[in-house]
Amino acid sequence: MLVHGVDDPAVPYTESLRLAAARPERTRVVLVHLVGHVEGAQPRSWAAAVRELGALVLVVYGLGRAA
């Protein structure tokens, strides 16, 4: 599981895409706007923040089920 902030100023999100392409089997990439590098980011709207938070919850839930 790779979670990467789209607006990360230190490491471009394309690096996570490259990592996933190198090992595509069972690798999921989640790109979010809620985080930069390690710090929180200002969401574009409350609806976007809720949508991304929901996506992250589903991903974490999926990880628990896969274990």
PDB file of N, CA and C in Angstrom:
ATOM      1  N   MET A   1       0.839  -1.164   0.000  1.00  0.00           N
ATOM      2  CA  MET A   1       0.000   0.000   0.000  1.00  0.00           C
ATOM      3  C   MET A   1       0.885   1.228   0.000  1.00  0.00           C
ATOM      4  N   LEU A   2       0.668   2.083  -0.958  1.00  0.00           N
ATOM      5  CA  LEU A   2       1.402   3.344  -1.049  1.00  0.00           C
ATOM      6  C   LEU A   2       0.395   4.487  -0.986  1.00  0.00           C
ATOM      7  N   VAL A   3       0.526   5.328   0.011  1.00  0.00           N
ATOM      8  CA  VAL A   3      -0.307   6.530   0.129  1.00  0.00           C
ATOM      9  C   VAL A   3       0.621   7.706  -0.059  1.00  0.00           C
ATOM     10  N   HIS A   4       0.280   8.568  -1.005  1.00  0.00           N
ATOM     11  CA  HIS A   4       1.184   9.666  -1.334  1.00  0.00           C
ATOM     12  C   HIS A   4       0.388  10.944  -1.573  1.00  0.00           C
ATOM     13  N   GLY A   5       0.884  12.030  -1.023  1.00  0.00           N
ATOM     14  CA  GLY A   5       0.270  13.332  -1.248  1.00  0.00           C
ATOM     15  C   GLY A   5       0.600  13.849  -2.641  1.00  0.00           C
ATOM     16  N   VAL A   6      -0.405  14.253  -3.362  1.00  0.00           N
ATOM     17  CA  VAL A   6      -0.216  14.760  -4.725  1.00  0.00           C
ATOM     18  C   VAL A   6       0.649  16.015  -4.730  1.00  0.00           C
ATOM     19  N   ASP A   7       0.512  16.835  -3.703  1.00  0.00           N
ATOM     20  CA  ASP A   7       1.251  18.092  -3.631  1.00  0.00           C
ATOM     21  C   ASP A   7       2.507  17.991  -2.761  1.00  0.00           C
ATOM     22  N   ASP A   8       3.059  16.799  -2.626  1.00  0.00           N
ATOM     23  CA  ASP A   8       4.262  16.584  -1.817  1.00  0.00           C
ATOM     24  C   ASP A   8       5.415  17.410  -2.379  1.00  0.00           C
ATOM     25  N   PRO A   9       5.965  18.345  -1.575  1.00  0.00           N
ATOM     26  CA  PRO A   9       7.054  19.186  -2.080  1.00  0.00           C
ATOM     27  C   PRO A   9       8.416  18.484  -2.077  1.00  0.00           C
ATOM     28  N   ALA A  10       8.545  17.374  -1.360  1.00  0.00           N
ATOM     29  CA  ALA A  10       9.840  16.707  -1.235  1.00  0.00           C
ATOM     30  C   ALA A  10      10.013  15.551  -2.219  1.00  0.00           C
ATOM     31  N   VAL A  11       8.967  14.743  -2.391  1.00  0.00           N
ATOM     32  CA  VAL A  11       9.033  13.567  -3.265  1.00  0.00           C
ATOM     33  C   VAL A  11       7.804  13.591  -4.180  1.00  0.00           C
ATOM     34  N   PRO A  12       7.994  13.660  -5.482  1.00  0.00           N
ATOM     35  CA  PRO A  12       6.847  13.680  -6.393  1.00  0.00           C
ATOM     36  C   PRO A  12       6.025  12.397  -6.288  1.00  0.00           C
ATOM     37  N   TYR A  13       4.707  12.529  -6.387  1.00  0.00           N
ATOM     38  CA  TYR A  13       3.833  11.361  -6.299  1.00  0.00           C
ATOM     39  C   TYR A  13       4.116  10.344  -7.410  1.00  0.00           C
ATOM     40  N   THR A  14       4.736  10.796  -8.485  1.00  0.00           N
ATOM     41  CA  THR A  14       5.058   9.870  -9.572  1.00  0.00           C
ATOM     42  C   THR A  14       6.046   8.801  -9.127  1.00  0.00           C
ATOM     43  N   GLU A  15       6.800   9.064  -8.066  1.00  0.00           N
ATOM     44  CA  GLU A  15       7.708   8.045  -7.537  1.00  0.00           C
ATOM     45  C   GLU A  15       6.935   6.866  -6.958  1.00  0.00           C
ATOM     46  N   SER A  16       5.802   7.135  -6.333  1.00  0.00           N
ATOM     47  CA  SER A  16       4.964   6.040  -5.842  1.00  0.00           C
ATOM     48  C   SER A  16       4.370   5.258  -7.006  1.00  0.00           C
ATOM     49  N   LEU A  17       4.015   5.955  -8.070  1.00  0.00           N
ATOM     50  CA  LEU A  17       3.502   5.257  -9.257  1.00  0.00           C
ATOM     51  C   LEU A  17       4.581   4.359  -9.853  1.00  0.00           C
ATOM     52  N   ARG A  18       5.823   4.841  -9.852  1.00  0.00           N
ATOM     53  CA  ARG A  18       6.938   4.033 -10.372  1.00  0.00           C
ATOM     54  C   ARG A  18       7.190   2.815  -9.494  1.00  0.00           C
ATOM     55  N   LEU A  19       7.122   2.987  -8.189  1.00  0.00           N
ATOM     56  CA  LEU A  19       7.297   1.856  -7.283  1.00  0.00           C
ATOM     57  C   LEU A  19       6.218   0.799  -7.505  1.00  0.00           C
ATOM     58  N   ALA A  20       4.993   1.249  -7.668  1.00  0.00           N
ATOM     59  CA  ALA A  20       3.890   0.312  -7.897  1.00  0.00           C
ATOM     60  C   ALA A  20       4.051  -0.415  -9.226  1.00  0.00           C
ATOM     61  N   ALA A  21       4.533   0.272 -10.228  1.00  0.00           N
ATOM     62  CA  ALA A  21       4.735  -0.361 -11.535  1.00  0.00           C
ATOM     63  C   ALA A  21       5.843  -1.408 -11.480  1.00  0.00           C
ATOM     64  N   ALA A  22       6.810  -1.205 -10.587  1.00  0.00           N
ATOM     65  CA  ALA A  22       7.903  -2.162 -10.460  1.00  0.00           C
ATOM     66  C   ALA A  22       7.442  -3.456  -9.796  1.00  0.00           C
ATOM     67  N   ARG A  23       6.418  -3.376  -8.982  1.00  0.00           N
ATOM     68  CA  ARG A  23       5.856  -4.560  -8.338  1.00  0.00           C
ATOM     69  C   ARG A  23       4.332  -4.436  -8.331  1.00  0.00           C
ATOM     70  N   PRO A  24       3.702  -4.659  -9.475  1.00  0.00           N
ATOM     71  CA  PRO A  24       2.267  -4.413  -9.583  1.00  0.00           C
ATOM     72  C   PRO A  24       1.382  -5.406  -8.825  1.00  0.00           C
ATOM     73  N   GLU A  25       1.879  -6.602  -8.550  1.00  0.00           N
ATOM     74  CA  GLU A  25       1.049  -7.597  -7.884  1.00  0.00           C
ATOM     75  C   GLU A  25       0.711  -7.178  -6.457  1.00  0.00           C
ATOM     76  N   ARG A  26      -0.570  -7.049  -6.179  1.00  0.00           N
ATOM     77  CA  ARG A  26      -1.091  -6.703  -4.856  1.00  0.00           C
ATOM     78  C   ARG A  26      -0.613  -5.356  -4.335  1.00  0.00           C
ATOM     79  N   THR A  27      -0.215  -4.459  -5.213  1.00  0.00           N
ATOM     80  CA  THR A  27       0.211  -3.125  -4.802  1.00  0.00           C
ATOM     81  C   THR A  27      -0.890  -2.136  -5.145  1.00  0.00           C
ATOM     82  N   ARG A  28      -1.265  -1.329  -4.173  1.00  0.00           N
ATOM     83  CA  ARG A  28      -2.271  -0.294  -4.392  1.00  0.00           C
ATOM     84  C   ARG A  28      -1.656   1.056  -4.105  1.00  0.00           C
ATOM     85  N   VAL A  29      -1.992   2.016  -4.941  1.00  0.00           N
ATOM     86  CA  VAL A  29      -1.534   3.395  -4.762  1.00  0.00           C
ATOM     87  C   VAL A  29      -2.758   4.253  -4.473  1.00  0.00           C
ATOM     88  N   VAL A  30      -2.670   5.044  -3.429  1.00  0.00           N
ATOM     89  CA  VAL A  30      -3.727   5.997  -3.090  1.00  0.00           C
ATOM     90  C   VAL A  30      -3.097   7.376  -3.104  1.00  0.00           C
ATOM     91  N   LEU A  31      -3.546   8.211  -4.020  1.00  0.00           N
ATOM     92  CA  LEU A  31      -3.053   9.591  -4.114  1.00  0.00           C
ATOM     93  C   LEU A  31      -4.068  10.497  -3.430  1.00  0.00           C
ATOM     94  N   VAL A  32      -3.584  11.331  -2.526  1.00  0.00           N
ATOM     95  CA  VAL A  32      -4.477  12.185  -1.752  1.00  0.00           C
ATOM     96  C   VAL A  32      -4.005  13.633  -1.785  1.00  0.00           C
ATOM     97  N   HIS A  33      -4.921  14.518  -1.490  1.00  0.00           N
ATOM     98  CA  HIS A  33      -4.615  15.943  -1.374  1.00  0.00           C
ATOM     99  C   HIS A  33      -4.614  16.381   0.089  1.00  0.00           C
ATOM    100  N   LEU A  34      -4.907  15.446   1.004  1.00  0.00           N
ATOM    101  CA  LEU A  34      -5.005  15.792   2.424  1.00  0.00           C
ATOM    102  C   LEU A  34      -3.654  15.925   3.108  1.00  0.00           C
ATOM    103  N   VAL A  35      -2.606  15.419   2.479  1.00  0.00           N
ATOM    104  CA  VAL A  35      -1.266  15.531   3.055  1.00  0.00           C
ATOM    105  C   VAL A  35      -0.299  16.033   1.999  1.00  0.00           C
ATOM    106  N   GLY A  36       0.753  16.698   2.480  1.00  0.00           N
ATOM    107  CA  GLY A  36       1.820  17.131   1.581  1.00  0.00           C
ATOM    108  C   GLY A  36       2.895  16.067   1.593  1.00  0.00           C
ATOM    109  N   HIS A  37       3.928  16.278   2.426  1.00  0.00           N
ATOM    110  CA  HIS A  37       4.953  15.246   2.576  1.00  0.00           C
ATOM    111  C   HIS A  37       4.652  14.442   3.845  1.00  0.00           C
ATOM    112  N   VAL A  38       4.713  15.080   4.973  1.00  0.00           N
ATOM    113  CA  VAL A  38       4.297  14.442   6.225  1.00  0.00           C
ATOM    114  C   VAL A  38       3.302  15.332   6.979  1.00  0.00           C
ATOM    115  N   GLU A  39       3.115  16.519   6.475  1.00  0.00           N
ATOM    116  CA  GLU A  39       2.224  17.476   7.130  1.00  0.00           C
ATOM    117  C   GLU A  39       0.851  17.475   6.443  1.00  0.00           C
ATOM    118  N   GLY A  40      -0.133  17.906   7.195  1.00  0.00           N
ATOM    119  CA  GLY A  40      -1.463  18.030   6.618  1.00  0.00           C
ATOM    120  C   GLY A  40      -1.511  19.164   5.611  1.00  0.00           C
ATOM    121  N   ALA A  41      -2.460  19.084   4.716  1.00  0.00           N
ATOM    122  CA  ALA A  41      -2.637  20.123   3.700  1.00  0.00           C
ATOM    123  C   ALA A  41      -4.055  20.660   3.801  1.00  0.00           C
ATOM    124  N   GLN A  42      -4.243  21.837   3.305  1.00  0.00           N
ATOM    125  CA  GLN A  42      -5.566  22.456   3.295  1.00  0.00           C
ATOM    126  C   GLN A  42      -6.405  21.806   2.197  1.00  0.00           C
ATOM    127  N   PRO A  43      -7.530  21.173   2.557  1.00  0.00           N
ATOM    128  CA  PRO A  43      -8.367  20.547   1.520  1.00  0.00           C
ATOM    129  C   PRO A  43      -9.001  21.595   0.606  1.00  0.00           C
ATOM    130  N   ARG A  44      -9.247  21.201  -0.615  1.00  0.00           N
ATOM    131  CA  ARG A  44      -9.874  22.117  -1.581  1.00  0.00           C
ATOM    132  C   ARG A  44     -11.294  22.456  -1.186  1.00  0.00           C
ATOM    133  N   SER A  45     -11.989  21.489  -0.599  1.00  0.00           N
ATOM    134  CA  SER A  45     -13.352  21.714  -0.114  1.00  0.00           C
ATOM    135  C   SER A  45     -13.641  20.668   0.948  1.00  0.00           C
ATOM    136  N   TRP A  46     -14.684  20.877   1.730  1.00  0.00           N
ATOM    137  CA  TRP A  46     -15.028  19.893   2.761  1.00  0.00           C
ATOM    138  C   TRP A  46     -15.453  18.588   2.114  1.00  0.00           C
ATOM    139  N   ALA A  47     -16.129  18.658   0.962  1.00  0.00           N
ATOM    140  CA  ALA A  47     -16.573  17.437   0.282  1.00  0.00           C
ATOM    141  C   ALA A  47     -15.366  16.623  -0.203  1.00  0.00           C
ATOM    142  N   ALA A  48     -14.352  17.303  -0.727  1.00  0.00           N
ATOM    143  CA  ALA A  48     -13.145  16.602  -1.172  1.00  0.00           C
ATOM    144  C   ALA A  48     -12.438  15.961   0.011  1.00  0.00           C
ATOM    145  N   ALA A  49     -12.391  16.656   1.141  1.00  0.00           N
ATOM    146  CA  ALA A  49     -11.747  16.110   2.336  1.00  0.00           C
ATOM    147  C   ALA A  49     -12.480  14.866   2.828  1.00  0.00           C
ATOM    148  N   VAL A  50     -13.797  14.912   2.857  1.00  0.00           N
ATOM    149  CA  VAL A  50     -14.595  13.757   3.288  1.00  0.00           C
ATOM    150  C   VAL A  50     -14.396  12.592   2.329  1.00  0.00           C
ATOM    151  N   ARG A  51     -14.380  12.869   1.037  1.00  0.00           N
ATOM    152  CA  ARG A  51     -14.194  11.825   0.028  1.00  0.00           C
ATOM    153  C   ARG A  51     -12.825  11.148   0.185  1.00  0.00           C
ATOM    154  N   GLU A  52     -11.786  11.937   0.366  1.00  0.00           N
ATOM    155  CA  GLU A  52     -10.450  11.363   0.518  1.00  0.00           C
ATOM    156  C   GLU A  52     -10.305  10.626   1.842  1.00  0.00           C
ATOM    157  N   LEU A  53     -10.871  11.157   2.899  1.00  0.00           N
ATOM    158  CA  LEU A  53     -10.818  10.473   4.184  1.00  0.00           C
ATOM    159  C   LEU A  53     -11.551   9.130   4.090  1.00  0.00           C
ATOM    160  N   GLY A  54     -12.690   9.130   3.418  1.00  0.00           N
ATOM    161  CA  GLY A  54     -13.421   7.878   3.204  1.00  0.00           C
ATOM    162  C   GLY A  54     -12.613   6.869   2.417  1.00  0.00           C
ATOM    163  N   ALA A  55     -11.913   7.330   1.394  1.00  0.00           N
ATOM    164  CA  ALA A  55     -11.070   6.434   0.599  1.00  0.00           C
ATOM    165  C   ALA A  55      -9.959   5.839   1.447  1.00  0.00           C
ATOM    166  N   LEU A  56      -9.347   6.654   2.301  1.00  0.00           N
ATOM    167  CA  LEU A  56      -8.294   6.151   3.178  1.00  0.00           C
ATOM    168  C   LEU A  56      -8.829   5.128   4.175  1.00  0.00           C
ATOM    169  N   VAL A  57     -10.008   5.366   4.720  1.00  0.00           N
ATOM    170  CA  VAL A  57     -10.616   4.413   5.651  1.00  0.00           C
ATOM    171  C   VAL A  57     -10.855   3.082   4.946  1.00  0.00           C
ATOM    172  N   LEU A  58     -11.369   3.125   3.731  1.00  0.00           N
ATOM    173  CA  LEU A  58     -11.611   1.889   2.982  1.00  0.00           C
ATOM    174  C   LEU A  58     -10.320   1.137   2.697  1.00  0.00           C
ATOM    175  N   VAL A  59      -9.269   1.859   2.391  1.00  0.00           N
ATOM    176  CA  VAL A  59      -7.977   1.226   2.129  1.00  0.00           C
ATOM    177  C   VAL A  59      -7.451   0.546   3.387  1.00  0.00           C
ATOM    178  N   VAL A  60      -7.504   1.243   4.522  1.00  0.00           N
ATOM    179  CA  VAL A  60      -7.026   0.663   5.766  1.00  0.00           C
ATOM    180  C   VAL A  60      -7.884  -0.545   6.147  1.00  0.00           C
ATOM    181  N   TYR A  61      -9.181  -0.456   5.954  1.00  0.00           N
ATOM    182  CA  TYR A  61     -10.072  -1.578   6.215  1.00  0.00           C
ATOM    183  C   TYR A  61      -9.699  -2.760   5.330  1.00  0.00           C
ATOM    184  N   GLY A  62      -9.398  -2.497   4.072  1.00  0.00           N
ATOM    185  CA  GLY A  62      -8.994  -3.555   3.152  1.00  0.00           C
ATOM    186  C   GLY A  62      -7.699  -4.217   3.577  1.00  0.00           C
ATOM    187  N   LEU A  63      -6.777  -3.436   4.132  1.00  0.00           N
ATOM    188  CA  LEU A  63      -5.519  -4.006   4.615  1.00  0.00           C
ATOM    189  C   LEU A  63      -5.777  -4.986   5.754  1.00  0.00           C
ATOM    190  N   GLY A  64      -6.666  -4.621   6.638  1.00  0.00           N
ATOM    191  CA  GLY A  64      -6.995  -5.497   7.769  1.00  0.00           C
ATOM    192  C   GLY A  64      -7.627  -6.798   7.311  1.00  0.00           C
ATOM    193  N   ARG A  65      -8.431  -6.736   6.294  1.00  0.00           N
ATOM    194  CA  ARG A  65      -9.101  -7.937   5.792  1.00  0.00           C
ATOM    195  C   ARG A  65      -8.126  -8.837   5.044  1.00  0.00           C
ATOM    196  N   ALA A  66      -7.116  -8.236   4.409  1.00  0.00           N
ATOM    197  CA  ALA A  66      -6.158  -9.018   3.624  1.00  0.00           C
ATOM    198  C   ALA A  66      -5.181  -9.779   4.516  1.00  0.00           C
ATOM    199  N   ALA A  67      -5.018  -9.319   5.748  1.00  0.00           N
ATOM    200  CA  ALA A  67      -4.022  -9.944   6.643  1.00  0.00           C
ATOM    201  C   ALA A  67      -4.468 -11.265   7.204  1.00  0.00           C
TER     202      ALA A  67
END
